[in-house]
Amino acid sequence: MTKTKKVFRIFWAWQDHKEEKWLNEMARKGWALISYKYLYTFKKIEPTRYIYKLDYKATSDEDVKEYKMIFEETGWEYVTQYGKWHYFRTLENGNQLTEIYTENEFQIEAYKNLLRNLTILLISILIISGIVLSFYRPAFIIGFSTALYFITILCIVKVKQKINKLKV
């Protein structure tokens, strides 16, 4: 019987490396990621030195089979998907690359796609909250839409900072 556990944990859009590190630590404790849908689902394994990497793929899912194959050919196992975030892993090996992208340009492009989607989200929040607030003015709606607005702006700023670091 396979033992599984579910874990709730929040990582923001700019914290992909922090999330990867946490997933690596979970594998070292004997828990391998099997899926993620609001909760991380892990299965019990022998403690393993996995390297997890996340990739943001904003394009359509029509080419997802080819997308997965490209990574698998370079030694990355496809684990799961959450929204447009794709989770990969490989066994740690002292003489291998630990990044799924060997050139910063590809990683920059992934973050730019994320940035575009965050900007669309920000505009959507402004439009929807403007429409809702023109009819209703309960304090919780004002507070909720303001919180979403500022969280989205924070995500945009942090992702821009990641892009700028990669350009250097």
N, C-alpha and C. Protein backbone atom coordinates (compact mmCIF):
# COMPACT_ATOMS: atom_id res chain seq x y z
N MET A 1 0.85 -1.18 0.00
CA MET A 1 0.00 0.00 0.00
C MET A 1 0.89 1.24 0.00
N THR A 2 0.65 2.12 -0.93
CA THR A 2 1.42 3.34 -1.05
C THR A 2 0.93 4.37 -0.04
N LYS A 3 1.85 4.91 0.71
CA LYS A 3 1.49 5.93 1.68
C LYS A 3 1.63 7.30 1.01
N THR A 4 0.60 8.12 1.14
CA THR A 4 0.64 9.47 0.58
C THR A 4 0.30 10.48 1.66
N LYS A 5 0.69 11.71 1.40
CA LYS A 5 0.27 12.80 2.28
C LYS A 5 0.07 14.05 1.45
N LYS A 6 -0.80 14.91 1.96
CA LYS A 6 -1.09 16.17 1.30
C LYS A 6 -0.59 17.30 2.20
N VAL A 7 -0.01 18.32 1.57
CA VAL A 7 0.56 19.44 2.31
C VAL A 7 0.08 20.74 1.66
N PHE A 8 -0.41 21.65 2.50
CA PHE A 8 -0.79 22.98 2.03
C PHE A 8 0.37 23.91 2.30
N ARG A 9 0.82 24.58 1.26
CA ARG A 9 1.91 25.55 1.41
C ARG A 9 1.77 26.56 0.29
N ILE A 10 2.03 27.83 0.61
CA ILE A 10 1.88 28.89 -0.39
C ILE A 10 3.25 29.39 -0.81
N PHE A 11 3.45 29.46 -2.12
CA PHE A 11 4.62 30.10 -2.71
C PHE A 11 4.10 31.10 -3.73
N TRP A 12 4.67 32.27 -3.74
CA TRP A 12 4.28 33.31 -4.70
C TRP A 12 4.98 33.07 -6.02
N ALA A 13 4.51 33.74 -7.07
CA ALA A 13 5.01 33.52 -8.43
C ALA A 13 6.52 33.70 -8.53
N TRP A 14 7.09 34.59 -7.76
CA TRP A 14 8.53 34.84 -7.84
C TRP A 14 9.35 33.89 -6.96
N GLN A 15 8.69 33.01 -6.23
CA GLN A 15 9.39 32.13 -5.30
C GLN A 15 9.59 30.72 -5.86
N ASP A 16 9.71 30.59 -7.16
CA ASP A 16 9.85 29.27 -7.76
C ASP A 16 11.10 28.55 -7.25
N HIS A 17 12.21 29.27 -7.06
CA HIS A 17 13.43 28.62 -6.57
C HIS A 17 13.26 28.16 -5.12
N LYS A 18 12.55 28.92 -4.34
CA LYS A 18 12.26 28.54 -2.96
C LYS A 18 11.39 27.28 -2.93
N GLU A 19 10.41 27.22 -3.82
CA GLU A 19 9.54 26.04 -3.91
C GLU A 19 10.35 24.82 -4.35
N GLU A 20 11.24 25.00 -5.33
CA GLU A 20 12.10 23.90 -5.77
C GLU A 20 12.94 23.36 -4.61
N LYS A 21 13.53 24.26 -3.86
CA LYS A 21 14.37 23.86 -2.73
C LYS A 21 13.55 23.06 -1.71
N TRP A 22 12.34 23.51 -1.42
CA TRP A 22 11.47 22.80 -0.49
C TRP A 22 11.13 21.40 -1.02
N LEU A 23 10.82 21.29 -2.31
CA LEU A 23 10.52 19.98 -2.90
C LEU A 23 11.74 19.06 -2.83
N ASN A 24 12.93 19.61 -3.05
CA ASN A 24 14.17 18.82 -2.92
C ASN A 24 14.31 18.28 -1.50
N GLU A 25 14.04 19.15 -0.51
CA GLU A 25 14.13 18.75 0.90
C GLU A 25 13.10 17.67 1.23
N MET A 26 11.90 17.79 0.68
CA MET A 26 10.87 16.78 0.93
C MET A 26 11.33 15.42 0.40
N ALA A 27 11.95 15.39 -0.78
CA ALA A 27 12.44 14.13 -1.35
C ALA A 27 13.54 13.54 -0.48
N ARG A 28 14.40 14.40 0.05
CA ARG A 28 15.47 13.92 0.93
C ARG A 28 14.91 13.34 2.23
N LYS A 29 13.69 13.77 2.59
CA LYS A 29 13.01 13.23 3.78
C LYS A 29 12.16 12.00 3.43
N GLY A 30 12.15 11.63 2.14
CA GLY A 30 11.40 10.45 1.72
C GLY A 30 10.01 10.71 1.18
N TRP A 31 9.78 11.91 0.63
CA TRP A 31 8.47 12.25 0.06
C TRP A 31 8.65 12.81 -1.35
N ALA A 32 8.14 12.09 -2.33
CA ALA A 32 8.23 12.50 -3.74
C ALA A 32 6.92 13.14 -4.18
N LEU A 33 7.01 14.28 -4.82
CA LEU A 33 5.83 14.96 -5.34
C LEU A 33 5.18 14.10 -6.43
N ILE A 34 3.85 13.95 -6.35
CA ILE A 34 3.14 13.24 -7.42
C ILE A 34 2.10 14.13 -8.09
N SER A 35 1.58 15.14 -7.36
CA SER A 35 0.65 16.07 -7.99
C SER A 35 0.54 17.33 -7.15
N TYR A 36 -0.02 18.37 -7.77
CA TYR A 36 -0.26 19.61 -7.07
C TYR A 36 -1.50 20.28 -7.63
N LYS A 37 -2.52 20.35 -6.82
CA LYS A 37 -3.76 21.07 -7.12
C LYS A 37 -4.21 21.72 -5.82
N TYR A 38 -3.69 22.88 -5.53
CA TYR A 38 -3.93 23.62 -4.29
C TYR A 38 -3.25 22.98 -3.08
N LEU A 39 -3.11 21.66 -3.12
CA LEU A 39 -2.38 20.92 -2.10
C LEU A 39 -1.30 20.10 -2.80
N TYR A 40 -0.13 20.05 -2.21
CA TYR A 40 0.93 19.19 -2.73
C TYR A 40 0.63 17.77 -2.27
N THR A 41 0.63 16.81 -3.19
CA THR A 41 0.44 15.42 -2.84
C THR A 41 1.76 14.70 -3.04
N PHE A 42 2.21 14.03 -1.99
CA PHE A 42 3.48 13.31 -1.99
C PHE A 42 3.23 11.83 -1.74
N LYS A 43 4.11 11.00 -2.30
CA LYS A 43 4.09 9.58 -1.96
C LYS A 43 5.36 9.26 -1.20
N LYS A 44 5.25 8.30 -0.31
CA LYS A 44 6.38 7.88 0.51
C LYS A 44 7.36 7.09 -0.35
N ILE A 45 8.63 7.47 -0.28
CA ILE A 45 9.69 6.79 -1.04
C ILE A 45 10.91 6.65 -0.11
N GLU A 46 11.89 5.94 -0.57
CA GLU A 46 13.17 5.95 0.13
C GLU A 46 13.74 7.36 -0.02
N PRO A 47 14.37 7.92 1.01
CA PRO A 47 14.95 9.26 0.85
C PRO A 47 15.82 9.32 -0.42
N THR A 48 15.54 10.30 -1.24
CA THR A 48 16.17 10.41 -2.56
C THR A 48 16.65 11.84 -2.79
N ARG A 49 17.75 11.97 -3.47
CA ARG A 49 18.30 13.29 -3.78
C ARG A 49 17.82 13.70 -5.17
N TYR A 50 16.58 14.18 -5.21
CA TYR A 50 16.02 14.72 -6.44
C TYR A 50 16.36 16.19 -6.56
N ILE A 51 16.39 16.64 -7.79
CA ILE A 51 16.45 18.07 -8.09
C ILE A 51 15.15 18.39 -8.81
N TYR A 52 14.34 19.23 -8.20
CA TYR A 52 13.08 19.66 -8.81
C TYR A 52 13.30 21.00 -9.48
N LYS A 53 12.66 21.18 -10.63
CA LYS A 53 12.67 22.46 -11.34
C LYS A 53 11.27 22.75 -11.84
N LEU A 54 10.93 24.03 -11.78
CA LEU A 54 9.64 24.49 -12.27
C LEU A 54 9.86 25.29 -13.54
N ASP A 55 8.91 25.20 -14.44
CA ASP A 55 8.97 25.98 -15.67
C ASP A 55 7.60 26.56 -15.93
N TYR A 56 7.57 27.84 -16.27
CA TYR A 56 6.32 28.52 -16.60
C TYR A 56 6.18 28.51 -18.12
N LYS A 57 5.16 27.81 -18.60
CA LYS A 57 4.92 27.69 -20.04
C LYS A 57 3.59 28.35 -20.37
N ALA A 58 3.66 29.52 -20.97
CA ALA A 58 2.45 30.30 -21.22
C ALA A 58 1.78 29.97 -22.55
N THR A 59 2.43 29.20 -23.39
CA THR A 59 1.84 28.88 -24.68
C THR A 59 0.73 27.86 -24.50
N SER A 60 0.04 27.57 -25.59
CA SER A 60 -1.08 26.63 -25.52
C SER A 60 -0.59 25.23 -25.18
N ASP A 61 -1.51 24.41 -24.76
CA ASP A 61 -1.16 23.05 -24.38
C ASP A 61 -1.14 22.10 -25.58
N GLU A 62 -1.32 22.64 -26.79
CA GLU A 62 -1.31 21.79 -27.97
C GLU A 62 0.03 21.12 -28.19
N ASP A 63 1.11 21.79 -27.78
CA ASP A 63 2.45 21.24 -27.97
C ASP A 63 3.04 20.66 -26.70
N VAL A 64 2.20 20.36 -25.70
CA VAL A 64 2.70 19.92 -24.40
C VAL A 64 3.41 18.57 -24.50
N LYS A 65 2.97 17.71 -25.40
CA LYS A 65 3.63 16.40 -25.56
C LYS A 65 5.07 16.59 -26.02
N GLU A 66 5.27 17.46 -27.01
CA GLU A 66 6.62 17.75 -27.50
C GLU A 66 7.44 18.46 -26.42
N TYR A 67 6.80 19.36 -25.72
CA TYR A 67 7.44 20.11 -24.62
C TYR A 67 7.99 19.15 -23.57
N LYS A 68 7.17 18.19 -23.14
CA LYS A 68 7.62 17.21 -22.15
C LYS A 68 8.76 16.37 -22.69
N MET A 69 8.65 15.97 -23.97
CA MET A 69 9.65 15.11 -24.58
C MET A 69 11.02 15.78 -24.63
N ILE A 70 11.04 17.08 -24.90
CA ILE A 70 12.31 17.82 -24.96
C ILE A 70 13.03 17.73 -23.62
N PHE A 71 12.31 17.93 -22.53
CA PHE A 71 12.92 17.87 -21.21
C PHE A 71 13.31 16.44 -20.84
N GLU A 72 12.45 15.47 -21.19
CA GLU A 72 12.75 14.07 -20.86
C GLU A 72 14.00 13.59 -21.59
N GLU A 73 14.22 14.09 -22.81
CA GLU A 73 15.42 13.70 -23.56
C GLU A 73 16.70 14.20 -22.91
N THR A 74 16.58 15.26 -22.12
CA THR A 74 17.76 15.79 -21.42
C THR A 74 17.83 15.33 -19.96
N GLY A 75 17.00 14.32 -19.61
CA GLY A 75 17.10 13.70 -18.30
C GLY A 75 16.15 14.20 -17.24
N TRP A 76 15.15 14.99 -17.64
CA TRP A 76 14.19 15.52 -16.66
C TRP A 76 12.89 14.74 -16.75
N GLU A 77 12.42 14.24 -15.62
CA GLU A 77 11.15 13.53 -15.54
C GLU A 77 10.03 14.55 -15.31
N TYR A 78 8.97 14.45 -16.11
CA TYR A 78 7.82 15.33 -15.93
C TYR A 78 7.00 14.80 -14.76
N VAL A 79 6.67 15.67 -13.81
CA VAL A 79 5.95 15.23 -12.61
C VAL A 79 4.49 15.64 -12.65
N THR A 80 4.23 16.94 -12.77
CA THR A 80 2.86 17.41 -12.71
C THR A 80 2.77 18.82 -13.27
N GLN A 81 1.56 19.33 -13.31
CA GLN A 81 1.31 20.68 -13.80
C GLN A 81 0.30 21.34 -12.89
N TYR A 82 0.51 22.63 -12.64
CA TYR A 82 -0.47 23.44 -11.91
C TYR A 82 -0.61 24.75 -12.66
N GLY A 83 -1.76 24.95 -13.28
CA GLY A 83 -1.92 26.12 -14.14
C GLY A 83 -0.92 26.03 -15.28
N LYS A 84 -0.13 27.06 -15.44
CA LYS A 84 0.89 27.08 -16.49
C LYS A 84 2.27 26.71 -15.95
N TRP A 85 2.34 26.33 -14.68
CA TRP A 85 3.60 25.89 -14.07
C TRP A 85 3.74 24.38 -14.26
N HIS A 86 4.91 23.96 -14.76
CA HIS A 86 5.20 22.54 -14.97
C HIS A 86 6.34 22.14 -14.06
N TYR A 87 6.20 20.97 -13.44
CA TYR A 87 7.15 20.47 -12.44
C TYR A 87 7.94 19.31 -13.03
N PHE A 88 9.25 19.42 -12.96
CA PHE A 88 10.17 18.39 -13.44
C PHE A 88 11.10 17.98 -12.31
N ARG A 89 11.67 16.79 -12.44
CA ARG A 89 12.69 16.37 -11.49
C ARG A 89 13.68 15.45 -12.17
N THR A 90 14.84 15.36 -11.56
CA THR A 90 15.87 14.43 -11.99
C THR A 90 16.63 14.00 -10.75
N LEU A 91 17.28 12.87 -10.83
CA LEU A 91 18.12 12.43 -9.72
C LEU A 91 19.38 13.29 -9.68
N GLU A 92 19.76 13.67 -8.48
CA GLU A 92 20.98 14.46 -8.33
C GLU A 92 22.18 13.60 -8.69
N ASN A 93 23.04 14.19 -9.51
CA ASN A 93 24.25 13.50 -9.96
C ASN A 93 25.33 14.55 -10.01
N GLY A 94 26.43 14.33 -9.37
CA GLY A 94 27.46 15.34 -9.22
C GLY A 94 27.96 16.01 -10.49
N ASN A 95 27.84 15.36 -11.64
CA ASN A 95 28.41 15.93 -12.85
C ASN A 95 27.36 16.33 -13.89
N GLN A 96 26.17 16.62 -13.47
CA GLN A 96 25.12 17.00 -14.42
C GLN A 96 24.69 18.45 -14.20
N LEU A 97 24.02 18.97 -15.18
CA LEU A 97 23.44 20.31 -15.04
C LEU A 97 22.27 20.24 -14.08
N THR A 98 22.12 21.28 -13.29
CA THR A 98 21.00 21.31 -12.34
C THR A 98 19.95 22.33 -12.75
N GLU A 99 20.03 22.84 -13.97
CA GLU A 99 19.04 23.77 -14.50
C GLU A 99 18.42 23.15 -15.74
N ILE A 100 17.15 23.40 -15.94
CA ILE A 100 16.52 22.86 -17.14
C ILE A 100 16.85 23.72 -18.35
N TYR A 101 17.23 24.97 -18.11
CA TYR A 101 17.66 25.84 -19.20
C TYR A 101 19.15 26.10 -19.06
N THR A 102 19.86 25.91 -20.16
CA THR A 102 21.30 26.15 -20.11
C THR A 102 21.64 27.60 -20.47
N GLU A 103 20.68 28.33 -21.00
CA GLU A 103 20.91 29.73 -21.36
C GLU A 103 19.86 30.61 -20.68
N ASN A 104 20.32 31.75 -20.16
CA ASN A 104 19.42 32.66 -19.45
C ASN A 104 18.29 33.18 -20.31
N GLU A 105 18.49 33.28 -21.62
CA GLU A 105 17.47 33.84 -22.50
C GLU A 105 16.16 33.06 -22.42
N PHE A 106 16.27 31.73 -22.31
CA PHE A 106 15.07 30.91 -22.23
C PHE A 106 14.33 31.13 -20.91
N GLN A 107 15.09 31.25 -19.84
CA GLN A 107 14.48 31.51 -18.53
C GLN A 107 13.87 32.91 -18.50
N ILE A 108 14.55 33.87 -19.10
CA ILE A 108 14.02 35.24 -19.18
C ILE A 108 12.70 35.24 -19.94
N GLU A 109 12.64 34.50 -21.03
CA GLU A 109 11.41 34.43 -21.82
C GLU A 109 10.26 33.83 -21.01
N ALA A 110 10.55 32.79 -20.23
CA ALA A 110 9.51 32.19 -19.38
C ALA A 110 8.99 33.21 -18.37
N TYR A 111 9.90 33.97 -17.75
CA TYR A 111 9.48 34.99 -16.78
C TYR A 111 8.73 36.14 -17.46
N LYS A 112 9.11 36.48 -18.70
CA LYS A 112 8.38 37.52 -19.43
C LYS A 112 6.95 37.07 -19.72
N ASN A 113 6.77 35.78 -20.04
CA ASN A 113 5.43 35.25 -20.25
C ASN A 113 4.61 35.32 -18.96
N LEU A 114 5.24 35.00 -17.85
CA LEU A 114 4.58 35.12 -16.56
C LEU A 114 4.20 36.57 -16.29
N LEU A 115 5.10 37.48 -16.60
CA LEU A 115 4.87 38.91 -16.40
C LEU A 115 3.68 39.39 -17.23
N ARG A 116 3.58 38.94 -18.47
CA ARG A 116 2.43 39.31 -19.32
C ARG A 116 1.12 38.83 -18.70
N ASN A 117 1.12 37.60 -18.20
CA ASN A 117 -0.11 37.08 -17.60
C ASN A 117 -0.45 37.79 -16.30
N LEU A 118 0.55 38.18 -15.53
CA LEU A 118 0.29 38.94 -14.30
C LEU A 118 -0.28 40.32 -14.63
N THR A 119 0.20 40.92 -15.70
CA THR A 119 -0.31 42.23 -16.13
C THR A 119 -1.77 42.11 -16.57
N ILE A 120 -2.08 41.06 -17.30
CA ILE A 120 -3.48 40.81 -17.71
C ILE A 120 -4.34 40.60 -16.47
N LEU A 121 -3.83 39.87 -15.50
CA LEU A 121 -4.56 39.66 -14.25
C LEU A 121 -4.81 40.98 -13.53
N LEU A 122 -3.80 41.84 -13.47
CA LEU A 122 -3.93 43.14 -12.81
C LEU A 122 -5.02 43.98 -13.48
N ILE A 123 -5.00 44.03 -14.80
CA ILE A 123 -6.02 44.78 -15.54
C ILE A 123 -7.40 44.19 -15.30
N SER A 124 -7.50 42.88 -15.28
CA SER A 124 -8.78 42.21 -15.02
C SER A 124 -9.30 42.54 -13.63
N ILE A 125 -8.42 42.53 -12.65
CA ILE A 125 -8.82 42.87 -11.28
C ILE A 125 -9.37 44.29 -11.24
N LEU A 126 -8.68 45.21 -11.90
CA LEU A 126 -9.13 46.61 -11.91
C LEU A 126 -10.51 46.74 -12.56
N ILE A 127 -10.71 46.09 -13.69
CA ILE A 127 -11.98 46.19 -14.41
C ILE A 127 -13.10 45.54 -13.61
N ILE A 128 -12.88 44.32 -13.16
CA ILE A 128 -13.94 43.60 -12.44
C ILE A 128 -14.27 44.29 -11.13
N SER A 129 -13.25 44.70 -10.37
CA SER A 129 -13.54 45.37 -9.10
C SER A 129 -14.21 46.72 -9.35
N GLY A 130 -13.85 47.40 -10.43
CA GLY A 130 -14.52 48.66 -10.77
C GLY A 130 -15.99 48.46 -11.06
N ILE A 131 -16.30 47.41 -11.82
CA ILE A 131 -17.70 47.11 -12.14
C ILE A 131 -18.47 46.72 -10.87
N VAL A 132 -17.90 45.81 -10.09
CA VAL A 132 -18.57 45.36 -8.87
C VAL A 132 -18.77 46.52 -7.90
N LEU A 133 -17.74 47.34 -7.73
CA LEU A 133 -17.83 48.44 -6.77
C LEU A 133 -18.77 49.54 -7.22
N SER A 134 -19.08 49.59 -8.52
CA SER A 134 -20.05 50.59 -8.97
C SER A 134 -21.47 50.21 -8.55
N PHE A 135 -21.70 48.93 -8.24
CA PHE A 135 -23.02 48.47 -7.80
C PHE A 135 -23.09 48.21 -6.30
N TYR A 136 -22.01 47.67 -5.76
CA TYR A 136 -21.97 47.30 -4.34
C TYR A 136 -20.73 47.90 -3.70
N ARG A 137 -20.83 48.27 -2.45
CA ARG A 137 -19.68 48.84 -1.77
C ARG A 137 -19.42 48.22 -0.38
N PRO A 138 -19.66 46.90 -0.23
CA PRO A 138 -19.35 46.32 1.07
C PRO A 138 -17.83 46.38 1.33
N ALA A 139 -17.50 46.57 2.57
CA ALA A 139 -16.08 46.73 2.95
C ALA A 139 -15.24 45.53 2.56
N PHE A 140 -15.80 44.31 2.66
CA PHE A 140 -15.00 43.13 2.33
C PHE A 140 -14.63 43.09 0.85
N ILE A 141 -15.51 43.57 -0.03
CA ILE A 141 -15.18 43.60 -1.46
C ILE A 141 -14.09 44.63 -1.72
N ILE A 142 -14.18 45.76 -1.08
CA ILE A 142 -13.14 46.79 -1.24
C ILE A 142 -11.81 46.26 -0.72
N GLY A 143 -11.84 45.65 0.45
CA GLY A 143 -10.61 45.09 1.03
C GLY A 143 -10.03 43.97 0.19
N PHE A 144 -10.90 43.07 -0.27
CA PHE A 144 -10.45 41.93 -1.06
C PHE A 144 -9.84 42.38 -2.38
N SER A 145 -10.52 43.28 -3.09
CA SER A 145 -10.00 43.73 -4.39
C SER A 145 -8.72 44.54 -4.21
N THR A 146 -8.62 45.31 -3.13
CA THR A 146 -7.39 46.07 -2.86
C THR A 146 -6.24 45.12 -2.56
N ALA A 147 -6.51 44.07 -1.77
CA ALA A 147 -5.46 43.09 -1.45
C ALA A 147 -4.99 42.38 -2.73
N LEU A 148 -5.93 41.95 -3.57
CA LEU A 148 -5.56 41.30 -4.84
C LEU A 148 -4.73 42.22 -5.71
N TYR A 149 -5.12 43.47 -5.77
CA TYR A 149 -4.42 44.46 -6.57
C TYR A 149 -2.97 44.60 -6.10
N PHE A 150 -2.76 44.77 -4.81
CA PHE A 150 -1.41 44.96 -4.29
C PHE A 150 -0.56 43.69 -4.35
N ILE A 151 -1.17 42.53 -4.14
CA ILE A 151 -0.43 41.27 -4.28
C ILE A 151 0.03 41.08 -5.72
N THR A 152 -0.84 41.40 -6.66
CA THR A 152 -0.48 41.26 -8.08
C THR A 152 0.63 42.24 -8.45
N ILE A 153 0.56 43.46 -7.95
CA ILE A 153 1.63 44.43 -8.21
C ILE A 153 2.95 43.93 -7.61
N LEU A 154 2.90 43.39 -6.40
CA LEU A 154 4.10 42.84 -5.77
C LEU A 154 4.68 41.72 -6.62
N CYS A 155 3.83 40.83 -7.13
CA CYS A 155 4.30 39.75 -8.01
C CYS A 155 4.97 40.31 -9.25
N ILE A 156 4.36 41.32 -9.85
CA ILE A 156 4.93 41.93 -11.05
C ILE A 156 6.31 42.51 -10.76
N VAL A 157 6.43 43.24 -9.67
CA VAL A 157 7.72 43.85 -9.30
C VAL A 157 8.77 42.77 -9.07
N LYS A 158 8.43 41.72 -8.32
CA LYS A 158 9.39 40.66 -8.00
C LYS A 158 9.81 39.90 -9.26
N VAL A 159 8.88 39.63 -10.15
CA VAL A 159 9.23 38.93 -11.39
C VAL A 159 10.13 39.81 -12.26
N LYS A 160 9.85 41.13 -12.33
CA LYS A 160 10.72 42.04 -13.07
C LYS A 160 12.13 42.03 -12.49
N GLN A 161 12.24 41.97 -11.18
CA GLN A 161 13.56 41.90 -10.53
C GLN A 161 14.29 40.63 -10.92
N LYS A 162 13.57 39.50 -11.00
CA LYS A 162 14.19 38.24 -11.42
C LYS A 162 14.71 38.36 -12.86
N ILE A 163 13.91 38.98 -13.72
CA ILE A 163 14.32 39.16 -15.12
C ILE A 163 15.59 40.02 -15.17
N ASN A 164 15.60 41.10 -14.44
CA ASN A 164 16.77 41.99 -14.44
C ASN A 164 18.02 41.29 -13.93
N LYS A 165 17.90 40.45 -12.92
CA LYS A 165 19.05 39.69 -12.40
C LYS A 165 19.58 38.74 -13.48
N LEU A 166 18.68 38.12 -14.22
CA LEU A 166 19.11 37.17 -15.25
C LEU A 166 19.78 37.88 -16.44
N LYS A 167 19.42 39.12 -16.67
CA LYS A 167 20.01 39.87 -17.79
C LYS A 167 21.46 40.27 -17.52
N VAL A 168 21.84 40.32 -16.24
CA VAL A 168 23.19 40.77 -15.90
C VAL A 168 24.21 39.72 -16.25
